[in-house]
PDB file of N, CA and C in Angstrom:
ATOM      1  N   MET A   1      76.998  78.957  87.102  1.00  0.00           N
ATOM      2  CA  MET A   1      76.258  80.001  87.796  1.00  0.00           C
ATOM      3  C   MET A   1      76.063  81.179  86.835  1.00  0.00           C
ATOM      4  N   THR A   2      74.850  81.678  86.756  1.00  0.00           N
ATOM      5  CA  THR A   2      74.526  82.840  85.947  1.00  0.00           C
ATOM      6  C   THR A   2      74.480  84.061  86.851  1.00  0.00           C
ATOM      7  N   LEU A   3      75.134  85.115  86.412  1.00  0.00           N
ATOM      8  CA  LEU A   3      75.144  86.354  87.187  1.00  0.00           C
ATOM      9  C   LEU A   3      73.808  87.067  87.016  1.00  0.00           C
ATOM     10  N   SER A   4      73.093  87.224  88.107  1.00  0.00           N
ATOM     11  CA  SER A   4      71.816  87.930  88.042  1.00  0.00           C
ATOM     12  C   SER A   4      71.883  89.282  88.751  1.00  0.00           C
ATOM     13  N   ARG A   5      72.897  89.450  89.581  1.00  0.00           N
ATOM     14  CA  ARG A   5      73.040  90.717  90.303  1.00  0.00           C
ATOM     15  C   ARG A   5      74.514  90.888  90.665  1.00  0.00           C
ATOM     16  N   LEU A   6      74.989  92.103  90.523  1.00  0.00           N
ATOM     17  CA  LEU A   6      76.356  92.436  90.900  1.00  0.00           C
ATOM     18  C   LEU A   6      76.301  93.566  91.903  1.00  0.00           C
ATOM     19  N   LEU A   7      76.832  93.324  93.087  1.00  0.00           N
ATOM     20  CA  LEU A   7      76.894  94.354  94.124  1.00  0.00           C
ATOM     21  C   LEU A   7      78.321  94.874  94.200  1.00  0.00           C
ATOM     22  N   LEU A   8      78.478  96.170  94.186  1.00  0.00           N
ATOM     23  CA  LEU A   8      79.792  96.779  94.339  1.00  0.00           C
ATOM     24  C   LEU A   8      79.861  97.407  95.720  1.00  0.00           C
ATOM     25  N   TRP A   9      80.950  97.158  96.406  1.00  0.00           N
ATOM     26  CA  TRP A   9      81.108  97.596  97.796  1.00  0.00           C
ATOM     27  C   TRP A   9      82.515  98.115  97.955  1.00  0.00           C
ATOM     28  N   ARG A  10      82.644  99.331  98.411  1.00  0.00           N
ATOM     29  CA  ARG A  10      83.964  99.929  98.609  1.00  0.00           C
ATOM     30  C   ARG A  10      84.512  99.495  99.960  1.00  0.00           C
ATOM     31  N   HIS A  11      85.821  99.411 100.036  1.00  0.00           N
ATOM     32  CA  HIS A  11      86.476  99.039 101.292  1.00  0.00           C
ATOM     33  C   HIS A  11      86.181 100.066 102.380  1.00  0.00           C
ATOM     34  N   GLY A  12      86.362  99.653 103.624  1.00  0.00           N
ATOM     35  CA  GLY A  12      86.192 100.555 104.761  1.00  0.00           C
ATOM     36  C   GLY A  12      87.320 101.580 104.826  1.00  0.00           C
ATOM     37  N   GLN A  13      87.175 102.510 105.750  1.00  0.00           N
ATOM     38  CA  GLN A  13      88.169 103.574 105.906  1.00  0.00           C
ATOM     39  C   GLN A  13      89.558 102.985 106.187  1.00  0.00           C
ATOM     40  N   THR A  14      90.561 103.581 105.566  1.00  0.00           N
ATOM     41  CA  THR A  14      91.942 103.168 105.784  1.00  0.00           C
ATOM     42  C   THR A  14      92.700 104.280 106.508  1.00  0.00           C
ATOM     43  N   GLU A  15      93.906 103.962 106.922  1.00  0.00           N
ATOM     44  CA  GLU A  15      94.753 104.982 107.540  1.00  0.00           C
ATOM     45  C   GLU A  15      95.004 106.127 106.565  1.00  0.00           C
ATOM     46  N   HIS A  16      95.208 105.814 105.281  1.00  0.00           N
ATOM     47  CA  HIS A  16      95.418 106.871 104.279  1.00  0.00           C
ATOM     48  C   HIS A  16      94.153 107.704 104.076  1.00  0.00           C
ATOM     49  N   ASN A  17      92.974 107.060 104.035  1.00  0.00           N
ATOM     50  CA  ASN A  17      91.721 107.826 103.923  1.00  0.00           C
ATOM     51  C   ASN A  17      91.609 108.805 105.078  1.00  0.00           C
ATOM     52  N   ALA A  18      91.855 108.316 106.282  1.00  0.00           N
ATOM     53  CA  ALA A  18      91.691 109.130 107.488  1.00  0.00           C
ATOM     54  C   ALA A  18      92.653 110.312 107.518  1.00  0.00           C
ATOM     55  N   SER A  19      93.831 110.130 106.945  1.00  0.00           N
ATOM     56  CA  SER A  19      94.827 111.208 106.976  1.00  0.00           C
ATOM     57  C   SER A  19      94.823 112.059 105.708  1.00  0.00           C
ATOM     58  N   GLY A  20      93.943 111.743 104.753  1.00  0.00           N
ATOM     59  CA  GLY A  20      93.822 112.546 103.544  1.00  0.00           C
ATOM     60  C   GLY A  20      94.891 112.291 102.499  1.00  0.00           C
ATOM     61  N   HIS A  21      95.485 111.105 102.516  1.00  0.00           N
ATOM     62  CA  HIS A  21      96.524 110.759 101.540  1.00  0.00           C
ATOM     63  C   HIS A  21      95.956 109.911 100.403  1.00  0.00           C
ATOM     64  N   TRP A  22      96.438 110.166  99.205  1.00  0.00           N
ATOM     65  CA  TRP A  22      96.052 109.380  98.040  1.00  0.00           C
ATOM     66  C   TRP A  22      96.665 107.994  98.175  1.00  0.00           C
ATOM     67  N   GLN A  23      95.900 106.954  97.865  1.00  0.00           N
ATOM     68  CA  GLN A  23      96.377 105.587  98.038  1.00  0.00           C
ATOM     69  C   GLN A  23      96.871 104.938  96.760  1.00  0.00           C
ATOM     70  N   GLY A  24      96.021 104.872  95.748  1.00  0.00           N
ATOM     71  CA  GLY A  24      96.384 104.120  94.559  1.00  0.00           C
ATOM     72  C   GLY A  24      96.675 102.679  94.928  1.00  0.00           C
ATOM     73  N   HIS A  25      97.857 102.198  94.575  1.00  0.00           N
ATOM     74  CA  HIS A  25      98.230 100.815  94.869  1.00  0.00           C
ATOM     75  C   HIS A  25      98.942 100.665  96.204  1.00  0.00           C
ATOM     76  N   LEU A  26      99.110 101.751  96.963  1.00  0.00           N
ATOM     77  CA  LEU A  26      99.691 101.617  98.297  1.00  0.00           C
ATOM     78  C   LEU A  26      98.744 100.777  99.146  1.00  0.00           C
ATOM     79  N   ASP A  27      99.290  99.971 100.008  1.00  0.00           N
ATOM     80  CA  ASP A  27      98.482  99.007 100.749  1.00  0.00           C
ATOM     81  C   ASP A  27      98.217  99.481 102.177  1.00  0.00           C
ATOM     82  N   SER A  28      97.470 100.549 102.303  1.00  0.00           N
ATOM     83  CA  SER A  28      97.137 101.127 103.605  1.00  0.00           C
ATOM     84  C   SER A  28      96.115 100.250 104.327  1.00  0.00           C
ATOM     85  N   PRO A  29      96.359  99.930 105.594  1.00  0.00           N
ATOM     86  CA  PRO A  29      95.434  99.058 106.331  1.00  0.00           C
ATOM     87  C   PRO A  29      94.149  99.785 106.750  1.00  0.00           C
ATOM     88  N   LEU A  30      93.136  98.996 107.042  1.00  0.00           N
ATOM     89  CA  LEU A  30      91.891  99.543 107.576  1.00  0.00           C
ATOM     90  C   LEU A  30      92.129 100.127 108.963  1.00  0.00           C
ATOM     91  N   THR A  31      91.383 101.163 109.264  1.00  0.00           N
ATOM     92  CA  THR A  31      91.339 101.680 110.626  1.00  0.00           C
ATOM     93  C   THR A  31      90.285 100.866 111.381  1.00  0.00           C
ATOM     94  N   GLU A  32      90.194 101.071 112.681  1.00  0.00           N
ATOM     95  CA  GLU A  32      89.124 100.411 113.442  1.00  0.00           C
ATOM     96  C   GLU A  32      87.767 100.865 112.910  1.00  0.00           C
ATOM     97  N   ARG A  33      87.658 102.132 112.544  1.00  0.00           N
ATOM     98  CA  ARG A  33      86.402 102.630 111.955  1.00  0.00           C
ATOM     99  C   ARG A  33      86.096 101.888 110.661  1.00  0.00           C
ATOM    100  N   GLY A  34      87.105 101.619 109.842  1.00  0.00           N
ATOM    101  CA  GLY A  34      86.907 100.878 108.598  1.00  0.00           C
ATOM    102  C   GLY A  34      86.388  99.478 108.848  1.00  0.00           C
ATOM    103  N   ARG A  35      86.922  98.822 109.873  1.00  0.00           N
ATOM    104  CA  ARG A  35      86.431  97.483 110.230  1.00  0.00           C
ATOM    105  C   ARG A  35      84.992  97.566 110.745  1.00  0.00           C
ATOM    106  N   GLU A  36      84.684  98.599 111.523  1.00  0.00           N
ATOM    107  CA  GLU A  36      83.309  98.793 112.010  1.00  0.00           C
ATOM    108  C   GLU A  36      82.358  99.037 110.838  1.00  0.00           C
ATOM    109  N   GLN A  37      82.799  99.820 109.855  1.00  0.00           N
ATOM    110  CA  GLN A  37      81.963 100.080 108.671  1.00  0.00           C
ATOM    111  C   GLN A  37      81.639  98.768 107.950  1.00  0.00           C
ATOM    112  N   ALA A  38      82.644  97.914 107.810  1.00  0.00           N
ATOM    113  CA  ALA A  38      82.427  96.628 107.135  1.00  0.00           C
ATOM    114  C   ALA A  38      81.474  95.747 107.929  1.00  0.00           C
ATOM    115  N   ARG A  39      81.666  95.698 109.242  1.00  0.00           N
ATOM    116  CA  ARG A  39      80.763  94.881 110.085  1.00  0.00           C
ATOM    117  C   ARG A  39      79.330  95.414 110.021  1.00  0.00           C
ATOM    118  N   ALA A  40      79.173  96.728 109.987  1.00  0.00           N
ATOM    119  CA  ALA A  40      77.836  97.331 109.929  1.00  0.00           C
ATOM    120  C   ALA A  40      77.147  97.065 108.586  1.00  0.00           C
ATOM    121  N   ALA A  41      77.929  97.021 107.500  1.00  0.00           N
ATOM    122  CA  ALA A  41      77.351  96.818 106.164  1.00  0.00           C
ATOM    123  C   ALA A  41      77.040  95.360 105.871  1.00  0.00           C
ATOM    124  N   ALA A  42      77.728  94.454 106.528  1.00  0.00           N
ATOM    125  CA  ALA A  42      77.591  93.025 106.216  1.00  0.00           C
ATOM    126  C   ALA A  42      76.149  92.521 106.228  1.00  0.00           C
ATOM    127  N   PRO A  43      75.336  92.803 107.248  1.00  0.00           N
ATOM    128  CA  PRO A  43      73.960  92.281 107.232  1.00  0.00           C
ATOM    129  C   PRO A  43      73.143  92.759 106.030  1.00  0.00           C
ATOM    130  N   ALA A  44      73.303  94.010 105.649  1.00  0.00           N
ATOM    131  CA  ALA A  44      72.555  94.526 104.493  1.00  0.00           C
ATOM    132  C   ALA A  44      73.001  93.828 103.212  1.00  0.00           C
ATOM    133  N   LEU A  45      74.288  93.579 103.078  1.00  0.00           N
ATOM    134  CA  LEU A  45      74.781  92.894 101.883  1.00  0.00           C
ATOM    135  C   LEU A  45      74.366  91.424 101.873  1.00  0.00           C
ATOM    136  N   LEU A  46      74.404  90.789 103.023  1.00  0.00           N
ATOM    137  CA  LEU A  46      73.996  89.383 103.108  1.00  0.00           C
ATOM    138  C   LEU A  46      72.519  89.203 102.798  1.00  0.00           C
ATOM    139  N   ALA A  47      71.721  90.228 102.992  1.00  0.00           N
ATOM    140  CA  ALA A  47      70.290  90.155 102.671  1.00  0.00           C
ATOM    141  C   ALA A  47      70.066  89.911 101.175  1.00  0.00           C
ATOM    142  N   TYR A  48      71.051  90.257 100.347  1.00  0.00           N
ATOM    143  CA  TYR A  48      70.954  89.996  98.907  1.00  0.00           C
ATOM    144  C   TYR A  48      71.328  88.555  98.549  1.00  0.00           C
ATOM    145  N   GLU A  49      71.713  87.771  99.535  1.00  0.00           N
ATOM    146  CA  GLU A  49      72.062  86.362  99.374  1.00  0.00           C
ATOM    147  C   GLU A  49      73.159  86.134  98.329  1.00  0.00           C
ATOM    148  N   PRO A  50      74.305  86.777  98.531  1.00  0.00           N
ATOM    149  CA  PRO A  50      75.398  86.579  97.570  1.00  0.00           C
ATOM    150  C   PRO A  50      75.932  85.146  97.627  1.00  0.00           C
ATOM    151  N   HIS A  51      76.520  84.724  96.504  1.00  0.00           N
ATOM    152  CA  HIS A  51      77.086  83.381  96.410  1.00  0.00           C
ATOM    153  C   HIS A  51      78.613  83.403  96.433  1.00  0.00           C
ATOM    154  N   LEU A  52      79.184  84.554  96.148  1.00  0.00           N
ATOM    155  CA  LEU A  52      80.629  84.669  96.016  1.00  0.00           C
ATOM    156  C   LEU A  52      81.031  86.115  96.281  1.00  0.00           C
ATOM    157  N   VAL A  53      82.172  86.297  96.908  1.00  0.00           N
ATOM    158  CA  VAL A  53      82.748  87.623  97.105  1.00  0.00           C
ATOM    159  C   VAL A  53      84.065  87.659  96.340  1.00  0.00           C
ATOM    160  N   VAL A  54      84.219  88.671  95.490  1.00  0.00           N
ATOM    161  CA  VAL A  54      85.452  88.870  94.737  1.00  0.00           C
ATOM    162  C   VAL A  54      86.002  90.226  95.157  1.00  0.00           C
ATOM    163  N   ALA A  55      87.283  90.254  95.540  1.00  0.00           N
ATOM    164  CA  ALA A  55      87.882  91.492  96.040  1.00  0.00           C
ATOM    165  C   ALA A  55      89.266  91.696  95.450  1.00  0.00           C
ATOM    166  N   SER A  56      89.682  92.934  95.455  1.00  0.00           N
ATOM    167  CA  SER A  56      91.063  93.274  95.117  1.00  0.00           C
ATOM    168  C   SER A  56      91.995  92.540  96.073  1.00  0.00           C
ATOM    169  N   ASP A  57      93.215  92.321  95.627  1.00  0.00           N
ATOM    170  CA  ASP A  57      94.199  91.671  96.480  1.00  0.00           C
ATOM    171  C   ASP A  57      94.888  92.643  97.437  1.00  0.00           C
ATOM    172  N   LEU A  58      94.554  93.926  97.360  1.00  0.00           N
ATOM    173  CA  LEU A  58      95.110  94.875  98.320  1.00  0.00           C
ATOM    174  C   LEU A  58      94.462  94.643  99.680  1.00  0.00           C
ATOM    175  N   ARG A  59      95.250  94.766 100.706  1.00  0.00           N
ATOM    176  CA  ARG A  59      94.813  94.416 102.069  1.00  0.00           C
ATOM    177  C   ARG A  59      93.525  95.115 102.482  1.00  0.00           C
ATOM    178  N   ARG A  60      93.355  96.385 102.133  1.00  0.00           N
ATOM    179  CA  ARG A  60      92.149  97.099 102.574  1.00  0.00           C
ATOM    180  C   ARG A  60      90.883  96.462 102.022  1.00  0.00           C
ATOM    181  N   ALA A  61      90.934  96.025 100.769  1.00  0.00           N
ATOM    182  CA  ALA A  61      89.772  95.379 100.157  1.00  0.00           C
ATOM    183  C   ALA A  61      89.607  93.951 100.678  1.00  0.00           C
ATOM    184  N   THR A  62      90.716  93.257 100.798  1.00  0.00           N
ATOM    185  CA  THR A  62      90.667  91.880 101.288  1.00  0.00           C
ATOM    186  C   THR A  62      90.146  91.823 102.717  1.00  0.00           C
ATOM    187  N   ASP A  63      90.639  92.701 103.582  1.00  0.00           N
ATOM    188  CA  ASP A  63      90.185  92.704 104.976  1.00  0.00           C
ATOM    189  C   ASP A  63      88.716  93.090 105.086  1.00  0.00           C
ATOM    190  N   THR A  64      88.272  94.018 104.245  1.00  0.00           N
ATOM    191  CA  THR A  64      86.857  94.383 104.228  1.00  0.00           C
ATOM    192  C   THR A  64      86.020  93.182 103.785  1.00  0.00           C
ATOM    193  N   ALA A  65      86.446  92.529 102.714  1.00  0.00           N
ATOM    194  CA  ALA A  65      85.717  91.372 102.186  1.00  0.00           C
ATOM    195  C   ALA A  65      85.682  90.216 103.174  1.00  0.00           C
ATOM    196  N   LYS A  66      86.775  90.003 103.894  1.00  0.00           N
ATOM    197  CA  LYS A  66      86.828  88.889 104.850  1.00  0.00           C
ATOM    198  C   LYS A  66      85.768  89.025 105.941  1.00  0.00           C
ATOM    199  N   ILE A  67      85.437  90.242 106.291  1.00  0.00           N
ATOM    200  CA  ILE A  67      84.392  90.449 107.298  1.00  0.00           C
ATOM    201  C   ILE A  67      83.058  89.944 106.771  1.00  0.00           C
ATOM    202  N   LEU A  68      82.755  90.226 105.522  1.00  0.00           N
ATOM    203  CA  LEU A  68      81.513  89.741 104.908  1.00  0.00           C
ATOM    204  C   LEU A  68      81.557  88.231 104.728  1.00  0.00           C
ATOM    205  N   VAL A  69      82.675  87.720 104.262  1.00  0.00           N
ATOM    206  CA  VAL A  69      82.842  86.287 104.025  1.00  0.00           C
ATOM    207  C   VAL A  69      82.647  85.503 105.319  1.00  0.00           C
ATOM    208  N   GLU A  70      83.261  85.973 106.394  1.00  0.00           N
ATOM    209  CA  GLU A  70      83.134  85.278 107.673  1.00  0.00           C
ATOM    210  C   GLU A  70      81.718  85.364 108.230  1.00  0.00           C
ATOM    211  N   ALA A  71      81.055  86.493 108.032  1.00  0.00           N
ATOM    212  CA  ALA A  71      79.689  86.652 108.536  1.00  0.00           C
ATOM    213  C   ALA A  71      78.697  85.778 107.771  1.00  0.00           C
ATOM    214  N   GLY A  72      78.971  85.551 106.483  1.00  0.00           N
ATOM    215  CA  GLY A  72      78.011  84.809 105.668  1.00  0.00           C
ATOM    216  C   GLY A  72      78.448  83.438 105.221  1.00  0.00           C
ATOM    217  N   GLY A  73      79.654  83.019 105.623  1.00  0.00           N
ATOM    218  CA  GLY A  73      80.137  81.713 105.202  1.00  0.00           C
ATOM    219  C   GLY A  73      80.288  81.603 103.696  1.00  0.00           C
ATOM    220  N   LEU A  74      80.796  82.662 103.086  1.00  0.00           N
ATOM    221  CA  LEU A  74      80.893  82.737 101.625  1.00  0.00           C
ATOM    222  C   LEU A  74      82.312  82.478 101.144  1.00  0.00           C
ATOM    223  N   PRO A  75      82.449  82.017  99.909  1.00  0.00           N
ATOM    224  CA  PRO A  75      83.791  81.898  99.339  1.00  0.00           C
ATOM    225  C   PRO A  75      84.322  83.277  98.941  1.00  0.00           C
ATOM    226  N   LEU A  76      85.641  83.411  98.982  1.00  0.00           N
ATOM    227  CA  LEU A  76      86.307  84.661  98.624  1.00  0.00           C
ATOM    228  C   LEU A  76      87.313  84.389  97.515  1.00  0.00           C
ATOM    229  N   ARG A  77      87.252  85.199  96.485  1.00  0.00           N
ATOM    230  CA  ARG A  77      88.213  85.122  95.384  1.00  0.00           C
ATOM    231  C   ARG A  77      88.907  86.480  95.285  1.00  0.00           C
ATOM    232  N   LEU A  78      90.230  86.469  95.248  1.00  0.00           N
ATOM    233  CA  LEU A  78      90.989  87.708  95.103  1.00  0.00           C
ATOM    234  C   LEU A  78      91.372  87.892  93.641  1.00  0.00           C
ATOM    235  N   ASP A  79      91.286  89.147  93.177  1.00  0.00           N
ATOM    236  CA  ASP A  79      91.580  89.457  91.780  1.00  0.00           C
ATOM    237  C   ASP A  79      92.290  90.797  91.713  1.00  0.00           C
ATOM    238  N   LYS A  80      93.559  90.780  91.337  1.00  0.00           N
ATOM    239  CA  LYS A  80      94.326  92.030  91.317  1.00  0.00           C
ATOM    240  C   LYS A  80      93.823  93.016  90.266  1.00  0.00           C
ATOM    241  N   ARG A  81      93.007  92.563  89.331  1.00  0.00           N
ATOM    242  CA  ARG A  81      92.430  93.481  88.336  1.00  0.00           C
ATOM    243  C   ARG A  81      91.444  94.458  88.967  1.00  0.00           C
ATOM    244  N   LEU A  82      91.026  94.194  90.204  1.00  0.00           N
ATOM    245  CA  LEU A  82      90.095  95.072  90.900  1.00  0.00           C
ATOM    246  C   LEU A  82      90.810  96.144  91.727  1.00  0.00           C
ATOM    247  N   ARG A  83      92.117  96.201  91.619  1.00  0.00           N
ATOM    248  CA  ARG A  83      92.865  97.216  92.361  1.00  0.00           C
ATOM    249  C   ARG A  83      92.443  98.619  91.942  1.00  0.00           C
ATOM    250  N   GLU A  84      92.576  99.524  92.885  1.00  0.00           N
ATOM    251  CA  GLU A  84      92.348 100.936  92.620  1.00  0.00           C
ATOM    252  C   GLU A  84      93.330 101.406  91.539  1.00  0.00           C
ATOM    253  N   THR A  85      93.003 102.479  90.882  1.00  0.00           N
ATOM    254  CA  THR A  85      93.866 103.048  89.855  1.00  0.00           C
ATOM    255  C   THR A  85      95.256 103.333  90.408  1.00  0.00           C
ATOM    256  N   ASP A  86      96.279 102.985  89.636  1.00  0.00           N
ATOM    257  CA  ASP A  86      97.653 103.319  90.010  1.00  0.00           C
ATOM    258  C   ASP A  86      97.846 104.807  89.699  1.00  0.00           C
ATOM    259  N   ILE A  87      98.059 105.603  90.724  1.00  0.00           N
ATOM    260  CA  ILE A  87      98.174 107.054  90.516  1.00  0.00           C
ATOM    261  C   ILE A  87      99.616 107.545  90.574  1.00  0.00           C
ATOM    262  N   GLY A  88     100.531 106.614  90.398  1.00  0.00           N
ATOM    263  CA  GLY A  88     101.938 106.956  90.233  1.00  0.00           C
ATOM    264  C   GLY A  88     102.519 107.798  91.357  1.00  0.00           C
ATOM    265  N   HIS A  89     103.119 108.918  90.975  1.00  0.00           N
ATOM    266  CA  HIS A  89     103.829 109.779  91.931  1.00  0.00           C
ATOM    267  C   HIS A  89     102.908 110.425  92.968  1.00  0.00           C
ATOM    268  N   TRP A  90     101.610 110.389  92.745  1.00  0.00           N
ATOM    269  CA  TRP A  90     100.678 110.986  93.708  1.00  0.00           C
ATOM    270  C   TRP A  90     100.447 110.079  94.915  1.00  0.00           C
ATOM    271  N   GLN A  91     100.737 108.807  94.767  1.00  0.00           N
ATOM    272  CA  GLN A  91     100.494 107.863  95.854  1.00  0.00           C
ATOM    273  C   GLN A  91     101.224 108.305  97.119  1.00  0.00           C
ATOM    274  N   GLY A  92     100.496 108.365  98.221  1.00  0.00           N
ATOM    275  CA  GLY A  92     101.067 108.749  99.505  1.00  0.00           C
ATOM    276  C   GLY A  92     101.071 110.232  99.769  1.00  0.00           C
ATOM    277  N   LEU A  93     100.674 111.037  98.782  1.00  0.00           N
ATOM    278  CA  LEU A  93     100.632 112.492  98.961  1.00  0.00           C
ATOM    279  C   LEU A  93      99.227 112.946  99.343  1.00  0.00           C
ATOM    280  N   THR A  94      99.134 114.102  99.975  1.00  0.00           N
ATOM    281  CA  THR A  94      97.835 114.735 100.207  1.00  0.00           C
ATOM    282  C   THR A  94      97.477 115.535  98.960  1.00  0.00           C
ATOM    283  N   SER A  95      96.235 115.962  98.851  1.00  0.00           N
ATOM    284  CA  SER A  95      95.828 116.790  97.707  1.00  0.00           C
ATOM    285  C   SER A  95      96.608 118.097  97.672  1.00  0.00           C
ATOM    286  N   THR A  96      96.891 118.657  98.829  1.00  0.00           N
ATOM    287  CA  THR A  96      97.677 119.897  98.892  1.00  0.00           C
ATOM    288  C   THR A  96      99.071 119.671  98.313  1.00  0.00           C
ATOM    289  N   GLU A  97      99.676 118.544  98.658  1.00  0.00           N
ATOM    290  CA  GLU A  97     101.009 118.219  98.131  1.00  0.00           C
ATOM    291  C   GLU A  97     100.968 117.969  96.630  1.00  0.00           C
ATOM    292  N   VAL A  98      99.918 117.288  96.151  1.00  0.00           N
ATOM    293  CA  VAL A  98      99.777 117.054  94.715  1.00  0.00           C
ATOM    294  C   VAL A  98      99.644 118.389  93.993  1.00  0.00           C
ATOM    295  N   ASP A  99      98.790 119.293  94.507  1.00  0.00           N
ATOM    296  CA  ASP A  99      98.612 120.605  93.887  1.00  0.00           C
ATOM    297  C   ASP A  99      99.919 121.385  93.835  1.00  0.00           C
ATOM    298  N   ALA A 100     100.712 121.302  94.884  1.00  0.00           N
ATOM    299  CA  ALA A 100     101.981 122.037  94.927  1.00  0.00           C
ATOM    300  C   ALA A 100     102.990 121.475  93.928  1.00  0.00           C
ATOM    301  N   ARG A 101     103.049 120.166  93.814  1.00  0.00           N
ATOM    302  CA  ARG A 101     104.044 119.522  92.947  1.00  0.00           C
ATOM    303  C   ARG A 101     103.597 119.418  91.495  1.00  0.00           C
ATOM    304  N   TYR A 102     102.286 119.295  91.288  1.00  0.00           N
ATOM    305  CA  TYR A 102     101.727 119.086  89.947  1.00  0.00           C
ATOM    306  C   TYR A 102     100.539 120.034  89.748  1.00  0.00           C
ATOM    307  N   PRO A 103     100.797 121.355  89.637  1.00  0.00           N
ATOM    308  CA  PRO A 103      99.706 122.334  89.527  1.00  0.00           C
ATOM    309  C   PRO A 103      98.739 121.992  88.397  1.00  0.00           C
ATOM    310  N   GLY A 104      97.450 121.990  88.748  1.00  0.00           N
ATOM    311  CA  GLY A 104      96.409 121.692  87.767  1.00  0.00           C
ATOM    312  C   GLY A 104      96.215 120.223  87.494  1.00  0.00           C
ATOM    313  N   GLY A 105      97.046 119.372  88.070  1.00  0.00           N
ATOM    314  CA  GLY A 105      96.976 117.944  87.789  1.00  0.00           C
ATOM    315  C   GLY A 105      95.687 117.294  88.225  1.00  0.00           C
ATOM    316  N   ILE A 106      95.216 117.659  89.405  1.00  0.00           N
ATOM    317  CA  ILE A 106      93.968 117.052  89.906  1.00  0.00           C
ATOM    318  C   ILE A 106      92.797 117.441  89.020  1.00  0.00           C
ATOM    319  N   SER A 107      92.721 118.705  88.620  1.00  0.00           N
ATOM    320  CA  SER A 107      91.632 119.148  87.743  1.00  0.00           C
ATOM    321  C   SER A 107      91.664 118.402  86.415  1.00  0.00           C
ATOM    322  N   THR A 108      92.856 118.228  85.868  1.00  0.00           N
ATOM    323  CA  THR A 108      92.994 117.492  84.611  1.00  0.00           C
ATOM    324  C   THR A 108      92.565 116.044  84.777  1.00  0.00           C
ATOM    325  N   TRP A 109      93.001 115.419  85.870  1.00  0.00           N
ATOM    326  CA  TRP A 109      92.650 114.032  86.146  1.00  0.00           C
ATOM    327  C   TRP A 109      91.135 113.875  86.311  1.00  0.00           C
ATOM    328  N   GLN A 110      90.493 114.814  87.025  1.00  0.00           N
ATOM    329  CA  GLN A 110      89.051 114.721  87.256  1.00  0.00           C
ATOM    330  C   GLN A 110      88.249 114.918  85.984  1.00  0.00           C
ATOM    331  N   SER A 111      88.750 115.699  85.047  1.00  0.00           N
ATOM    332  CA  SER A 111      87.987 115.971  83.825  1.00  0.00           C
ATOM    333  C   SER A 111      88.339 115.017  82.688  1.00  0.00           C
ATOM    334  N   ASP A 112      89.313 114.150  82.902  1.00  0.00           N
ATOM    335  CA  ASP A 112      89.751 113.236  81.843  1.00  0.00           C
ATOM    336  C   ASP A 112      88.842 112.017  81.785  1.00  0.00           C
TER     337      ASP A 112
END
């Protein structure tokens, strides 16, 4: 198979997204809204006639991908190399908590 198009799709909303916490490699589950977002996006993505879905092995990405896979009868391949950036000690913290514990860290990270 020759790759002629690559579609990138972010996972649906997670409990950490909804509460404003940094995730990194933490495995926060999808919220009901996140599942609804995936179901709503599936028809538009299927219109591109994908042949394969490749997702991170983190539950939020896998659960999002499974909605598309089930809607389109597509194969799913999990790849841990697609995981979100490991943000170390920031994982599970809010931006306010990161700023308090690591002053200037977010600005440095954003400009790096």
